[in-house]
PDB file of all heavy atoms in Angstrom:
ATOM      1  N   SER A   1       5.439 -10.260  -9.617  1.00  0.00           N
ATOM      2  CA  SER A   1       4.885  -9.746 -10.979  1.00  0.00           C
ATOM      3  C   SER A   1       5.960  -9.665 -11.981  1.00  0.00           C
ATOM      4  O   SER A   1       7.160  -9.492 -11.622  1.00  0.00           O
ATOM      5  CB  SER A   1       4.181  -8.392 -10.658  1.00  0.00           C
ATOM      6  OG  SER A   1       3.029  -8.563  -9.906  1.00  0.00           O
ATOM      7  N   LEU A   2       5.586  -9.669 -13.222  1.00  0.00           N
ATOM      8  CA  LEU A   2       6.541  -9.676 -14.283  1.00  0.00           C
ATOM      9  C   LEU A   2       7.256  -8.270 -14.548  1.00  0.00           C
ATOM     10  O   LEU A   2       8.346  -8.169 -14.741  1.00  0.00           O
ATOM     11  CB  LEU A   2       5.785 -10.069 -15.626  1.00  0.00           C
ATOM     12  CG  LEU A   2       6.586 -10.015 -16.920  1.00  0.00           C
ATOM     13  CD1 LEU A   2       7.775 -10.847 -16.868  1.00  0.00           C
ATOM     14  CD2 LEU A   2       5.656 -10.401 -18.103  1.00  0.00           C
ATOM     15  N   CYS A   3       6.409  -7.275 -14.462  1.00  0.00           N
ATOM     16  CA  CYS A   3       6.865  -5.949 -14.892  1.00  0.00           C
ATOM     17  C   CYS A   3       6.681  -4.879 -13.763  1.00  0.00           C
ATOM     18  O   CYS A   3       6.053  -5.128 -12.692  1.00  0.00           O
ATOM     19  CB  CYS A   3       6.291  -5.433 -16.156  1.00  0.00           C
ATOM     20  SG  CYS A   3       4.662  -4.644 -15.987  1.00  0.00           S
ATOM     21  N   GLY A   4       7.142  -3.689 -14.032  1.00  0.00           N
ATOM     22  CA  GLY A   4       7.037  -2.595 -12.963  1.00  0.00           C
ATOM     23  C   GLY A   4       5.689  -2.235 -12.585  1.00  0.00           C
ATOM     24  O   GLY A   4       5.473  -1.847 -11.363  1.00  0.00           O
ATOM     25  N   LEU A   5       4.662  -2.427 -13.455  1.00  0.00           N
ATOM     26  CA  LEU A   5       3.290  -2.110 -12.991  1.00  0.00           C
ATOM     27  C   LEU A   5       2.851  -2.935 -11.823  1.00  0.00           C
ATOM     28  O   LEU A   5       2.416  -2.428 -10.791  1.00  0.00           O
ATOM     29  CB  LEU A   5       2.290  -2.344 -14.194  1.00  0.00           C
ATOM     30  CG  LEU A   5       0.869  -1.808 -14.000  1.00  0.00           C
ATOM     31  CD1 LEU A   5       0.278  -1.456 -15.345  1.00  0.00           C
ATOM     32  CD2 LEU A   5       0.010  -2.747 -13.296  1.00  0.00           C
ATOM     33  N   GLY A   6       2.969  -4.292 -11.983  1.00  0.00           N
ATOM     34  CA  GLY A   6       2.624  -5.117 -10.893  1.00  0.00           C
ATOM     35  C   GLY A   6       3.600  -5.103  -9.669  1.00  0.00           C
ATOM     36  O   GLY A   6       3.066  -5.072  -8.557  1.00  0.00           O
ATOM     37  N   GLN A   7       4.820  -4.933  -9.946  1.00  0.00           N
ATOM     38  CA  GLN A   7       5.766  -4.862  -8.837  1.00  0.00           C
ATOM     39  C   GLN A   7       5.627  -3.660  -7.979  1.00  0.00           C
ATOM     40  O   GLN A   7       5.964  -3.635  -6.841  1.00  0.00           O
ATOM     41  CB  GLN A   7       7.247  -4.863  -9.430  1.00  0.00           C
ATOM     42  CG  GLN A   7       7.618  -6.227 -10.090  1.00  0.00           C
ATOM     43  CD  GLN A   7       8.879  -6.115 -10.978  1.00  0.00           C
ATOM     44  OE1 GLN A   7       9.472  -5.018 -11.022  1.00  0.00           O
ATOM     45  NE2 GLN A   7       9.108  -7.083 -11.716  1.00  0.00           N
ATOM     46  N   SER A   8       5.176  -2.563  -8.581  1.00  0.00           N
ATOM     47  CA  SER A   8       4.932  -1.380  -7.748  1.00  0.00           C
ATOM     48  C   SER A   8       3.493  -1.018  -7.318  1.00  0.00           C
ATOM     49  O   SER A   8       3.262  -0.111  -6.607  1.00  0.00           O
ATOM     50  CB  SER A   8       5.554  -0.078  -8.545  1.00  0.00           C
ATOM     51  OG  SER A   8       4.861   0.021  -9.774  1.00  0.00           O
ATOM     52  N   ALA A   9       2.570  -1.826  -7.900  1.00  0.00           N
ATOM     53  CA  ALA A   9       1.166  -1.585  -7.590  1.00  0.00           C
ATOM     54  C   ALA A   9       0.828  -1.524  -6.098  1.00  0.00           C
ATOM     55  O   ALA A   9      -0.043  -0.756  -5.693  1.00  0.00           O
ATOM     56  CB  ALA A   9       0.248  -2.657  -8.315  1.00  0.00           C
ATOM     57  N   PRO A  10       1.473  -2.390  -5.292  1.00  0.00           N
ATOM     58  CA  PRO A  10       1.125  -2.324  -3.863  1.00  0.00           C
ATOM     59  C   PRO A  10       1.760  -1.101  -3.150  1.00  0.00           C
ATOM     60  O   PRO A  10       1.357  -0.908  -1.927  1.00  0.00           O
ATOM     61  CB  PRO A  10       1.795  -3.664  -3.272  1.00  0.00           C
ATOM     62  CG  PRO A  10       2.022  -4.516  -4.498  1.00  0.00           C
ATOM     63  CD  PRO A  10       2.284  -3.590  -5.643  1.00  0.00           C
ATOM     64  N   ASN A  11       2.537  -0.333  -3.793  1.00  0.00           N
ATOM     65  CA  ASN A  11       3.209   0.766  -3.044  1.00  0.00           C
ATOM     66  C   ASN A  11       2.252   1.739  -2.311  1.00  0.00           C
ATOM     67  O   ASN A  11       2.483   2.063  -1.143  1.00  0.00           O
ATOM     68  CB  ASN A  11       4.147   1.561  -3.950  1.00  0.00           C
ATOM     69  CG  ASN A  11       5.455   0.779  -4.277  1.00  0.00           C
ATOM     70  OD1 ASN A  11       5.713  -0.273  -3.623  1.00  0.00           O
ATOM     71  ND2 ASN A  11       6.218   1.252  -5.203  1.00  0.00           N
ATOM     72  N   PRO A  12       1.191   2.179  -2.923  1.00  0.00           N
ATOM     73  CA  PRO A  12       0.260   3.075  -2.287  1.00  0.00           C
ATOM     74  C   PRO A  12      -0.386   2.426  -0.996  1.00  0.00           C
ATOM     75  O   PRO A  12      -0.552   3.097   0.008  1.00  0.00           O
ATOM     76  CB  PRO A  12      -0.813   3.428  -3.242  1.00  0.00           C
ATOM     77  CG  PRO A  12      -0.082   3.297  -4.601  1.00  0.00           C
ATOM     78  CD  PRO A  12       0.832   2.135  -4.397  1.00  0.00           C
ATOM     79  N   ILE A  13      -0.583   1.105  -1.065  1.00  0.00           N
ATOM     80  CA  ILE A  13      -1.170   0.460   0.090  1.00  0.00           C
ATOM     81  C   ILE A  13      -0.178   0.315   1.170  1.00  0.00           C
ATOM     82  O   ILE A  13      -0.380   0.673   2.376  1.00  0.00           O
ATOM     83  CB  ILE A  13      -1.644  -0.999  -0.252  1.00  0.00           C
ATOM     84  CG1 ILE A  13      -2.676  -0.915  -1.330  1.00  0.00           C
ATOM     85  CG2 ILE A  13      -2.117  -1.703   1.029  1.00  0.00           C
ATOM     86  CD1 ILE A  13      -3.228  -2.310  -1.807  1.00  0.00           C
ATOM     87  N   LEU A  14       1.088  -0.037   0.867  1.00  0.00           N
ATOM     88  CA  LEU A  14       2.159  -0.232   1.808  1.00  0.00           C
ATOM     89  C   LEU A  14       2.506   1.098   2.493  1.00  0.00           C
ATOM     90  O   LEU A  14       2.798   1.153   3.722  1.00  0.00           O
ATOM     91  CB  LEU A  14       3.411  -0.826   1.110  1.00  0.00           C
ATOM     92  CG  LEU A  14       3.186  -2.287   0.625  1.00  0.00           C
ATOM     93  CD1 LEU A  14       4.353  -2.644  -0.200  1.00  0.00           C
ATOM     94  CD2 LEU A  14       3.002  -3.209   1.802  1.00  0.00           C
ATOM     95  N   SER A  15       2.536   2.226   1.716  1.00  0.00           N
ATOM     96  CA  SER A  15       2.905   3.447   2.386  1.00  0.00           C
ATOM     97  C   SER A  15       1.810   4.009   3.238  1.00  0.00           C
ATOM     98  O   SER A  15       2.057   4.594   4.320  1.00  0.00           O
ATOM     99  CB  SER A  15       3.277   4.530   1.280  1.00  0.00           C
ATOM    100  OG  SER A  15       2.178   4.803   0.468  1.00  0.00           O
ATOM    101  N   THR A  16       0.508   3.833   2.852  1.00  0.00           N
ATOM    102  CA  THR A  16      -0.506   4.260   3.760  1.00  0.00           C
ATOM    103  C   THR A  16      -0.698   3.392   4.924  1.00  0.00           C
ATOM    104  O   THR A  16      -1.072   3.884   6.074  1.00  0.00           O
ATOM    105  CB  THR A  16      -1.914   4.236   2.877  1.00  0.00           C
ATOM    106  OG1 THR A  16      -2.028   3.003   2.243  1.00  0.00           O
ATOM    107  CG2 THR A  16      -1.964   5.339   1.848  1.00  0.00           C
ATOM    108  N   LEU A  17      -0.361   2.096   4.821  1.00  0.00           N
ATOM    109  CA  LEU A  17      -0.320   1.244   6.029  1.00  0.00           C
ATOM    110  C   LEU A  17       0.778   1.680   6.998  1.00  0.00           C
ATOM    111  O   LEU A  17       0.631   1.639   8.218  1.00  0.00           O
ATOM    112  CB  LEU A  17      -0.155  -0.201   5.662  1.00  0.00           C
ATOM    113  CG  LEU A  17      -1.431  -0.927   5.176  1.00  0.00           C
ATOM    114  CD1 LEU A  17      -1.037  -2.289   4.602  1.00  0.00           C
ATOM    115  CD2 LEU A  17      -2.397  -1.152   6.251  1.00  0.00           C
ATOM    116  N   ARG A  18       1.888   2.112   6.437  1.00  0.00           N
ATOM    117  CA  ARG A  18       3.037   2.459   7.224  1.00  0.00           C
ATOM    118  C   ARG A  18       2.817   3.804   7.977  1.00  0.00           C
ATOM    119  O   ARG A  18       3.174   3.864   9.145  1.00  0.00           O
ATOM    120  CB  ARG A  18       4.247   2.643   6.282  1.00  0.00           C
ATOM    121  CG  ARG A  18       5.564   3.129   6.949  1.00  0.00           C
ATOM    122  CD  ARG A  18       6.642   3.279   5.914  1.00  0.00           C
ATOM    123  NE  ARG A  18       7.849   3.773   6.426  1.00  0.00           N
ATOM    124  CZ  ARG A  18       8.969   3.989   5.753  1.00  0.00           C
ATOM    125  NH1 ARG A  18       8.990   3.689   4.416  1.00  0.00           N
ATOM    126  NH2 ARG A  18      10.007   4.533   6.303  1.00  0.00           N
ATOM    127  N   TYR A  19       2.140   4.744   7.350  1.00  0.00           N
ATOM    128  CA  TYR A  19       2.055   6.067   7.935  1.00  0.00           C
ATOM    129  C   TYR A  19       0.589   6.380   8.470  1.00  0.00           C
ATOM    130  O   TYR A  19       0.496   7.187   9.287  1.00  0.00           O
ATOM    131  CB  TYR A  19       2.493   7.158   7.015  1.00  0.00           C
ATOM    132  CG  TYR A  19       3.905   7.036   6.567  1.00  0.00           C
ATOM    133  CD1 TYR A  19       4.263   6.779   5.257  1.00  0.00           C
ATOM    134  CD2 TYR A  19       4.890   7.330   7.443  1.00  0.00           C
ATOM    135  CE1 TYR A  19       5.625   6.744   4.818  1.00  0.00           C
ATOM    136  CE2 TYR A  19       6.231   7.267   7.094  1.00  0.00           C
ATOM    137  CZ  TYR A  19       6.569   6.958   5.809  1.00  0.00           C
ATOM    138  OH  TYR A  19       7.868   6.886   5.402  1.00  0.00           O
ATOM    139  N   PHE A  20      -0.378   5.722   7.877  1.00  0.00           N
ATOM    140  CA  PHE A  20      -1.767   5.960   8.175  1.00  0.00           C
ATOM    141  C   PHE A  20      -2.552   4.743   8.603  1.00  0.00           C
ATOM    142  O   PHE A  20      -3.707   4.632   8.168  1.00  0.00           O
ATOM    143  CB  PHE A  20      -2.459   6.735   7.063  1.00  0.00           C
ATOM    144  CG  PHE A  20      -1.645   7.961   6.505  1.00  0.00           C
ATOM    145  CD1 PHE A  20      -0.851   7.843   5.410  1.00  0.00           C
ATOM    146  CD2 PHE A  20      -1.765   9.120   7.290  1.00  0.00           C
ATOM    147  CE1 PHE A  20      -0.120   8.955   5.026  1.00  0.00           C
ATOM    148  CE2 PHE A  20      -1.022  10.264   6.773  1.00  0.00           C
ATOM    149  CZ  PHE A  20      -0.200  10.209   5.649  1.00  0.00           C
ATOM    150  N   ARG A  21      -1.938   3.898   9.255  1.00  0.00           N
ATOM    151  CA  ARG A  21      -2.635   2.675   9.700  1.00  0.00           C
ATOM    152  C   ARG A  21      -3.910   2.900  10.493  1.00  0.00           C
ATOM    153  O   ARG A  21      -4.784   2.101  10.390  1.00  0.00           O
ATOM    154  CB  ARG A  21      -1.619   1.817  10.505  1.00  0.00           C
ATOM    155  CG  ARG A  21      -1.987   0.330  10.557  1.00  0.00           C
ATOM    156  CD  ARG A  21      -0.950  -0.502  11.334  1.00  0.00           C
ATOM    157  NE  ARG A  21      -1.146  -1.907  11.193  1.00  0.00           N
ATOM    158  CZ  ARG A  21      -0.573  -2.620  10.228  1.00  0.00           C
ATOM    159  NH1 ARG A  21       0.170  -2.054   9.230  1.00  0.00           N
ATOM    160  NH2 ARG A  21      -0.788  -3.930  10.073  1.00  0.00           N
ATOM    161  N   ASP A  22      -3.907   3.979  11.158  1.00  0.00           N
ATOM    162  CA  ASP A  22      -5.094   4.302  11.984  1.00  0.00           C
ATOM    163  C   ASP A  22      -6.286   4.460  11.134  1.00  0.00           C
ATOM    164  O   ASP A  22      -7.466   4.209  11.581  1.00  0.00           O
ATOM    165  CB  ASP A  22      -4.872   5.528  12.791  1.00  0.00           C
ATOM    166  CG  ASP A  22      -3.923   5.273  14.029  1.00  0.00           C
ATOM    167  OD1 ASP A  22      -3.729   4.175  14.322  1.00  0.00           O
ATOM    168  OD2 ASP A  22      -3.569   6.305  14.589  1.00  0.00           O
ATOM    169  N   ASP A  23      -6.167   4.928   9.854  1.00  0.00           N
ATOM    170  CA  ASP A  23      -7.318   5.049   8.931  1.00  0.00           C
ATOM    171  C   ASP A  23      -7.937   3.705   8.695  1.00  0.00           C
ATOM    172  O   ASP A  23      -9.170   3.511   8.479  1.00  0.00           O
ATOM    173  CB  ASP A  23      -6.886   5.731   7.657  1.00  0.00           C
ATOM    174  CG  ASP A  23      -6.687   7.229   7.799  1.00  0.00           C
ATOM    175  OD1 ASP A  23      -6.533   7.727   8.976  1.00  0.00           O
ATOM    176  OD2 ASP A  23      -6.606   7.899   6.813  1.00  0.00           O
ATOM    177  N   TYR A  24      -7.064   2.664   8.540  1.00  0.00           N
ATOM    178  CA  TYR A  24      -7.551   1.264   8.290  1.00  0.00           C
ATOM    179  C   TYR A  24      -8.183   0.779   9.577  1.00  0.00           C
ATOM    180  O   TYR A  24      -9.261   0.116   9.497  1.00  0.00           O
ATOM    181  CB  TYR A  24      -6.318   0.449   7.915  1.00  0.00           C
ATOM    182  CG  TYR A  24      -5.805   0.614   6.504  1.00  0.00           C
ATOM    183  CD1 TYR A  24      -4.900   1.680   6.264  1.00  0.00           C
ATOM    184  CD2 TYR A  24      -6.130  -0.129   5.433  1.00  0.00           C
ATOM    185  CE1 TYR A  24      -4.320   1.885   4.969  1.00  0.00           C
ATOM    186  CE2 TYR A  24      -5.678   0.033   4.172  1.00  0.00           C
ATOM    187  CZ  TYR A  24      -4.757   1.080   3.946  1.00  0.00           C
ATOM    188  OH  TYR A  24      -4.210   1.286   2.698  1.00  0.00           O
ATOM    189  N   LEU A  25      -7.493   0.908  10.659  1.00  0.00           N
ATOM    190  CA  LEU A  25      -7.966   0.336  11.973  1.00  0.00           C
ATOM    191  C   LEU A  25      -9.340   1.014  12.361  1.00  0.00           C
ATOM    192  O   LEU A  25     -10.116   0.256  12.950  1.00  0.00           O
ATOM    193  CB  LEU A  25      -6.952   0.519  13.060  1.00  0.00           C
ATOM    194  CG  LEU A  25      -5.637  -0.224  12.835  1.00  0.00           C
ATOM    195  CD1 LEU A  25      -4.607   0.134  13.980  1.00  0.00           C
ATOM    196  CD2 LEU A  25      -5.907  -1.742  12.867  1.00  0.00           C
ATOM    197  N   ALA A  26      -9.483   2.276  12.016  1.00  0.00           N
ATOM    198  CA  ALA A  26     -10.744   2.918  12.446  1.00  0.00           C
ATOM    199  C   ALA A  26     -11.977   2.244  11.705  1.00  0.00           C
ATOM    200  O   ALA A  26     -13.049   2.047  12.233  1.00  0.00           O
ATOM    201  CB  ALA A  26     -10.734   4.352  12.126  1.00  0.00           C
ATOM    202  N   LEU A  27     -11.708   1.891  10.430  1.00  0.00           N
ATOM    203  CA  LEU A  27     -12.785   1.295   9.639  1.00  0.00           C
ATOM    204  C   LEU A  27     -13.057  -0.125  10.137  1.00  0.00           C
ATOM    205  O   LEU A  27     -14.254  -0.644  10.154  1.00  0.00           O
ATOM    206  CB  LEU A  27     -12.463   1.271   8.188  1.00  0.00           C
ATOM    207  CG  LEU A  27     -12.431   2.702   7.556  1.00  0.00           C
ATOM    208  CD1 LEU A  27     -11.746   2.658   6.181  1.00  0.00           C
ATOM    209  CD2 LEU A  27     -13.795   3.292   7.376  1.00  0.00           C
TER     210      LEU A  27
END
């Protein structure tokens, strides 16, 4: 991505996958 908005947009997904993967796997 060109700017900080796109470059950091995945952060909430990546951090929740890192620490709360079970929430994804349960669904």
